[in-house]
Amino acid sequence: LFPSATLAELVRMSGCPNPAAASA
């Protein structure tokens, strides 16, 4: 029901210091 939270968690788990994101 909350895919944005799941996607944000994936980005956070990546360990990237300054990740950039785009959504299509």
PDB file of all heavy atoms in Angstrom:
ATOM      1  N   LEU A   1       0.810  -1.217   0.000  1.00  0.00           N
ATOM      2  CA  LEU A   1       0.000   0.000   0.000  1.00  0.00           C
ATOM      3  C   LEU A   1       0.844   1.267   0.000  1.00  0.00           C
ATOM      4  O   LEU A   1       0.348   2.347  -0.290  1.00  0.00           O
ATOM      5  CB  LEU A   1      -0.920   0.010   1.227  1.00  0.00           C
ATOM      6  CG  LEU A   1      -1.922  -1.128   1.325  1.00  0.00           C
ATOM      7  CD1 LEU A   1      -2.697  -1.030   2.627  1.00  0.00           C
ATOM      8  CD2 LEU A   1      -2.859  -1.123   0.131  1.00  0.00           C
ATOM      9  N   PHE A   2       2.125   1.140   0.340  1.00  0.00           N
ATOM     10  CA  PHE A   2       3.014   2.289   0.442  1.00  0.00           C
ATOM     11  C   PHE A   2       4.309   2.039  -0.339  1.00  0.00           C
ATOM     12  O   PHE A   2       5.385   1.921   0.248  1.00  0.00           O
ATOM     13  CB  PHE A   2       3.325   2.578   1.917  1.00  0.00           C
ATOM     14  CG  PHE A   2       2.097   2.786   2.748  1.00  0.00           C
ATOM     15  CD1 PHE A   2       1.636   1.779   3.579  1.00  0.00           C
ATOM     16  CD2 PHE A   2       1.400   3.977   2.680  1.00  0.00           C
ATOM     17  CE1 PHE A   2       0.489   1.967   4.341  1.00  0.00           C
ATOM     18  CE2 PHE A   2       0.255   4.168   3.438  1.00  0.00           C
ATOM     19  CZ  PHE A   2      -0.207   3.160   4.263  1.00  0.00           C
ATOM     20  N   PRO A   3       4.236   1.980  -1.667  1.00  0.00           N
ATOM     21  CA  PRO A   3       5.446   1.680  -2.440  1.00  0.00           C
ATOM     22  C   PRO A   3       6.532   2.738  -2.305  1.00  0.00           C
ATOM     23  O   PRO A   3       7.713   2.415  -2.376  1.00  0.00           O
ATOM     24  CB  PRO A   3       4.953   1.571  -3.878  1.00  0.00           C
ATOM     25  CG  PRO A   3       3.608   2.187  -3.895  1.00  0.00           C
ATOM     26  CD  PRO A   3       3.063   2.122  -2.507  1.00  0.00           C
ATOM     27  N   SER A   4       6.173   3.984  -2.063  1.00  0.00           N
ATOM     28  CA  SER A   4       7.197   5.024  -1.918  1.00  0.00           C
ATOM     29  C   SER A   4       8.112   4.722  -0.743  1.00  0.00           C
ATOM     30  O   SER A   4       9.327   4.916  -0.830  1.00  0.00           O
ATOM     31  CB  SER A   4       6.558   6.398  -1.722  1.00  0.00           C
ATOM     32  OG  SER A   4       5.882   6.797  -2.886  1.00  0.00           O
ATOM     33  N   ALA A   5       7.551   4.259   0.341  1.00  0.00           N
ATOM     34  CA  ALA A   5       8.360   3.924   1.515  1.00  0.00           C
ATOM     35  C   ALA A   5       9.311   2.783   1.206  1.00  0.00           C
ATOM     36  O   ALA A   5      10.473   2.796   1.616  1.00  0.00           O
ATOM     37  CB  ALA A   5       7.456   3.565   2.693  1.00  0.00           C
ATOM     38  N   THR A   6       8.839   1.799   0.460  1.00  0.00           N
ATOM     39  CA  THR A   6       9.686   0.664   0.083  1.00  0.00           C
ATOM     40  C   THR A   6      10.816   1.120  -0.836  1.00  0.00           C
ATOM     41  O   THR A   6      11.970   0.724  -0.648  1.00  0.00           O
ATOM     42  CB  THR A   6       8.850  -0.427  -0.608  1.00  0.00           C
ATOM     43  OG1 THR A   6       7.810  -0.835   0.289  1.00  0.00           O
ATOM     44  CG2 THR A   6       9.693  -1.618  -0.985  1.00  0.00           C
ATOM     45  N   LEU A   7      10.502   1.963  -1.817  1.00  0.00           N
ATOM     46  CA  LEU A   7      11.524   2.460  -2.735  1.00  0.00           C
ATOM     47  C   LEU A   7      12.560   3.310  -1.996  1.00  0.00           C
ATOM     48  O   LEU A   7      13.766   3.175  -2.233  1.00  0.00           O
ATOM     49  CB  LEU A   7      10.877   3.268  -3.863  1.00  0.00           C
ATOM     50  CG  LEU A   7       9.938   2.494  -4.779  1.00  0.00           C
ATOM     51  CD1 LEU A   7       9.257   3.428  -5.766  1.00  0.00           C
ATOM     52  CD2 LEU A   7      10.670   1.376  -5.498  1.00  0.00           C
ATOM     53  N   ALA A   8      12.103   4.156  -1.092  1.00  0.00           N
ATOM     54  CA  ALA A   8      13.027   4.989  -0.318  1.00  0.00           C
ATOM     55  C   ALA A   8      13.932   4.117   0.549  1.00  0.00           C
ATOM     56  O   ALA A   8      15.122   4.397   0.692  1.00  0.00           O
ATOM     57  CB  ALA A   8      12.252   5.979   0.541  1.00  0.00           C
ATOM     58  N   GLU A   9      13.390   3.060   1.099  1.00  0.00           N
ATOM     59  CA  GLU A   9      14.196   2.154   1.925  1.00  0.00           C
ATOM     60  C   GLU A   9      15.269   1.464   1.078  1.00  0.00           C
ATOM     61  O   GLU A   9      16.405   1.291   1.523  1.00  0.00           O
ATOM     62  CB  GLU A   9      13.303   1.116   2.609  1.00  0.00           C
ATOM     63  CG  GLU A   9      14.041   0.180   3.523  1.00  0.00           C
ATOM     64  CD  GLU A   9      14.727   0.876   4.698  1.00  0.00           C
ATOM     65  OE1 GLU A   9      14.317   1.990   5.090  1.00  0.00           O
ATOM     66  OE2 GLU A   9      15.702   0.302   5.227  1.00  0.00           O
ATOM     67  N   LEU A  10      14.939   1.087  -0.152  1.00  0.00           N
ATOM     68  CA  LEU A  10      15.933   0.479  -1.045  1.00  0.00           C
ATOM     69  C   LEU A  10      17.085   1.438  -1.318  1.00  0.00           C
ATOM     70  O   LEU A  10      18.251   1.034  -1.333  1.00  0.00           O
ATOM     71  CB  LEU A  10      15.280   0.059  -2.365  1.00  0.00           C
ATOM     72  CG  LEU A  10      14.318  -1.108  -2.303  1.00  0.00           C
ATOM     73  CD1 LEU A  10      13.594  -1.268  -3.631  1.00  0.00           C
ATOM     74  CD2 LEU A  10      15.052  -2.378  -1.933  1.00  0.00           C
ATOM     75  N   VAL A  11      16.768   2.701  -1.521  1.00  0.00           N
ATOM     76  CA  VAL A  11      17.805   3.700  -1.770  1.00  0.00           C
ATOM     77  C   VAL A  11      18.669   3.865  -0.516  1.00  0.00           C
ATOM     78  O   VAL A  11      19.903   3.883  -0.594  1.00  0.00           O
ATOM     79  CB  VAL A  11      17.186   5.053  -2.195  1.00  0.00           C
ATOM     80  CG1 VAL A  11      18.240   6.145  -2.248  1.00  0.00           C
ATOM     81  CG2 VAL A  11      16.500   4.902  -3.549  1.00  0.00           C
ATOM     82  N   ARG A  12      18.036   3.959   0.639  1.00  0.00           N
ATOM     83  CA  ARG A  12      18.792   4.107   1.891  1.00  0.00           C
ATOM     84  C   ARG A  12      19.694   2.902   2.148  1.00  0.00           C
ATOM     85  O   ARG A  12      20.816   3.042   2.608  1.00  0.00           O
ATOM     86  CB  ARG A  12      17.840   4.298   3.066  1.00  0.00           C
ATOM     87  CG  ARG A  12      17.389   5.717   3.248  1.00  0.00           C
ATOM     88  CD  ARG A  12      16.691   5.911   4.574  1.00  0.00           C
ATOM     89  NE  ARG A  12      15.383   5.267   4.630  1.00  0.00           N
ATOM     90  CZ  ARG A  12      14.268   5.766   4.114  1.00  0.00           C
ATOM     91  NH1 ARG A  12      14.305   6.928   3.511  1.00  0.00           N
ATOM     92  NH2 ARG A  12      13.131   5.128   4.212  1.00  0.00           N
ATOM     93  N   MET A  13      19.213   1.713   1.854  1.00  0.00           N
ATOM     94  CA  MET A  13      19.984   0.488   2.095  1.00  0.00           C
ATOM     95  C   MET A  13      21.178   0.364   1.159  1.00  0.00           C
ATOM     96  O   MET A  13      22.081  -0.420   1.409  1.00  0.00           O
ATOM     97  CB  MET A  13      19.080  -0.738   1.954  1.00  0.00           C
ATOM     98  CG  MET A  13      18.087  -0.878   3.087  1.00  0.00           C
ATOM     99  SD  MET A  13      16.865  -2.213   2.900  1.00  0.00           S
ATOM    100  CE  MET A  13      17.688  -3.441   1.952  1.00  0.00           C
ATOM    101  N   SER A  14      21.212   1.148   0.090  1.00  0.00           N
ATOM    102  CA  SER A  14      22.300   1.054  -0.886  1.00  0.00           C
ATOM    103  C   SER A  14      23.631   1.502  -0.307  1.00  0.00           C
ATOM    104  O   SER A  14      24.676   1.096  -0.783  1.00  0.00           O
ATOM    105  CB  SER A  14      21.976   1.896  -2.117  1.00  0.00           C
ATOM    106  OG  SER A  14      22.086   3.272  -1.817  1.00  0.00           O
ATOM    107  N   GLY A  15      23.574   2.372   0.681  1.00  0.00           N
ATOM    108  CA  GLY A  15      24.802   2.879   1.272  1.00  0.00           C
ATOM    109  C   GLY A  15      25.429   4.026   0.495  1.00  0.00           C
ATOM    110  O   GLY A  15      26.520   4.480   0.828  1.00  0.00           O
ATOM    111  N   CYS A  16      24.778   4.493  -0.552  1.00  0.00           N
ATOM    112  CA  CYS A  16      25.302   5.619  -1.329  1.00  0.00           C
ATOM    113  C   CYS A  16      25.236   6.895  -0.492  1.00  0.00           C
ATOM    114  O   CYS A  16      24.210   7.180   0.118  1.00  0.00           O
ATOM    115  CB  CYS A  16      24.479   5.830  -2.590  1.00  0.00           C
ATOM    116  SG  CYS A  16      24.607   4.490  -3.771  1.00  0.00           S
ATOM    117  N   PRO A  17      26.321   7.680  -0.483  1.00  0.00           N
ATOM    118  CA  PRO A  17      26.310   8.901   0.322  1.00  0.00           C
ATOM    119  C   PRO A  17      25.361   9.972  -0.221  1.00  0.00           C
ATOM    120  O   PRO A  17      24.719  10.664   0.538  1.00  0.00           O
ATOM    121  CB  PRO A  17      27.753   9.371   0.284  1.00  0.00           C
ATOM    122  CG  PRO A  17      28.362   8.704  -0.895  1.00  0.00           C
ATOM    123  CD  PRO A  17      27.595   7.436  -1.118  1.00  0.00           C
ATOM    124  N   ASN A  18      25.260  10.111  -1.531  1.00  0.00           N
ATOM    125  CA  ASN A  18      24.388  11.122  -2.148  1.00  0.00           C
ATOM    126  C   ASN A  18      23.654  10.527  -3.337  1.00  0.00           C
ATOM    127  O   ASN A  18      23.921  10.886  -4.490  1.00  0.00           O
ATOM    128  CB  ASN A  18      25.211  12.334  -2.602  1.00  0.00           C
ATOM    129  CG  ASN A  18      25.840  13.061  -1.452  1.00  0.00           C
ATOM    130  OD1 ASN A  18      25.158  13.418  -0.497  1.00  0.00           O
ATOM    131  ND2 ASN A  18      27.138  13.258  -1.517  1.00  0.00           N
ATOM    132  N   PRO A  19      22.705   9.639  -3.104  1.00  0.00           N
ATOM    133  CA  PRO A  19      22.012   9.001  -4.219  1.00  0.00           C
ATOM    134  C   PRO A  19      21.076   9.973  -4.935  1.00  0.00           C
ATOM    135  O   PRO A  19      20.553  10.910  -4.332  1.00  0.00           O
ATOM    136  CB  PRO A  19      21.220   7.880  -3.549  1.00  0.00           C
ATOM    137  CG  PRO A  19      20.974   8.372  -2.171  1.00  0.00           C
ATOM    138  CD  PRO A  19      22.196   9.181  -1.811  1.00  0.00           C
ATOM    139  N   ALA A  20      20.908   9.754  -6.217  1.00  0.00           N
ATOM    140  CA  ALA A  20      19.959  10.523  -7.018  1.00  0.00           C
ATOM    141  C   ALA A  20      18.904   9.542  -7.518  1.00  0.00           C
ATOM    142  O   ALA A  20      19.200   8.383  -7.798  1.00  0.00           O
ATOM    143  CB  ALA A  20      20.675  11.181  -8.195  1.00  0.00           C
ATOM    144  N   ALA A  21      17.669  10.016  -7.630  1.00  0.00           N
ATOM    145  CA  ALA A  21      16.582   9.129  -8.029  1.00  0.00           C
ATOM    146  C   ALA A  21      15.693   9.773  -9.076  1.00  0.00           C
ATOM    147  O   ALA A  21      15.490  10.989  -9.079  1.00  0.00           O
ATOM    148  CB  ALA A  21      15.751   8.738  -6.811  1.00  0.00           C
ATOM    149  N   ALA A  22      15.189   8.920  -9.951  1.00  0.00           N
ATOM    150  CA  ALA A  22      14.217   9.334 -10.961  1.00  0.00           C
ATOM    151  C   ALA A  22      13.133   8.265 -11.019  1.00  0.00           C
ATOM    152  O   ALA A  22      13.398   7.089 -10.785  1.00  0.00           O
ATOM    153  CB  ALA A  22      14.886   9.495 -12.323  1.00  0.00           C
ATOM    154  N   SER A  23      11.938   8.694 -11.342  1.00  0.00           N
ATOM    155  CA  SER A  23      10.819   7.770 -11.408  1.00  0.00           C
ATOM    156  C   SER A  23      10.074   7.957 -12.722  1.00  0.00           C
ATOM    157  O   SER A  23       9.711   9.073 -13.077  1.00  0.00           O
ATOM    158  CB  SER A  23       9.872   8.018 -10.228  1.00  0.00           C
ATOM    159  OG  SER A  23       8.759   7.149 -10.304  1.00  0.00           O
ATOM    160  N   ALA A  24       9.863   6.870 -13.423  1.00  0.00           N
ATOM    161  CA  ALA A  24       9.136   6.890 -14.693  1.00  0.00           C
ATOM    162  C   ALA A  24       7.838   6.112 -14.522  1.00  0.00           C
ATOM    163  O   ALA A  24       7.848   4.911 -14.282  1.00  0.00           O
ATOM    164  CB  ALA A  24       9.974   6.260 -15.799  1.00  0.00           C
TER     165      ALA A  24
END
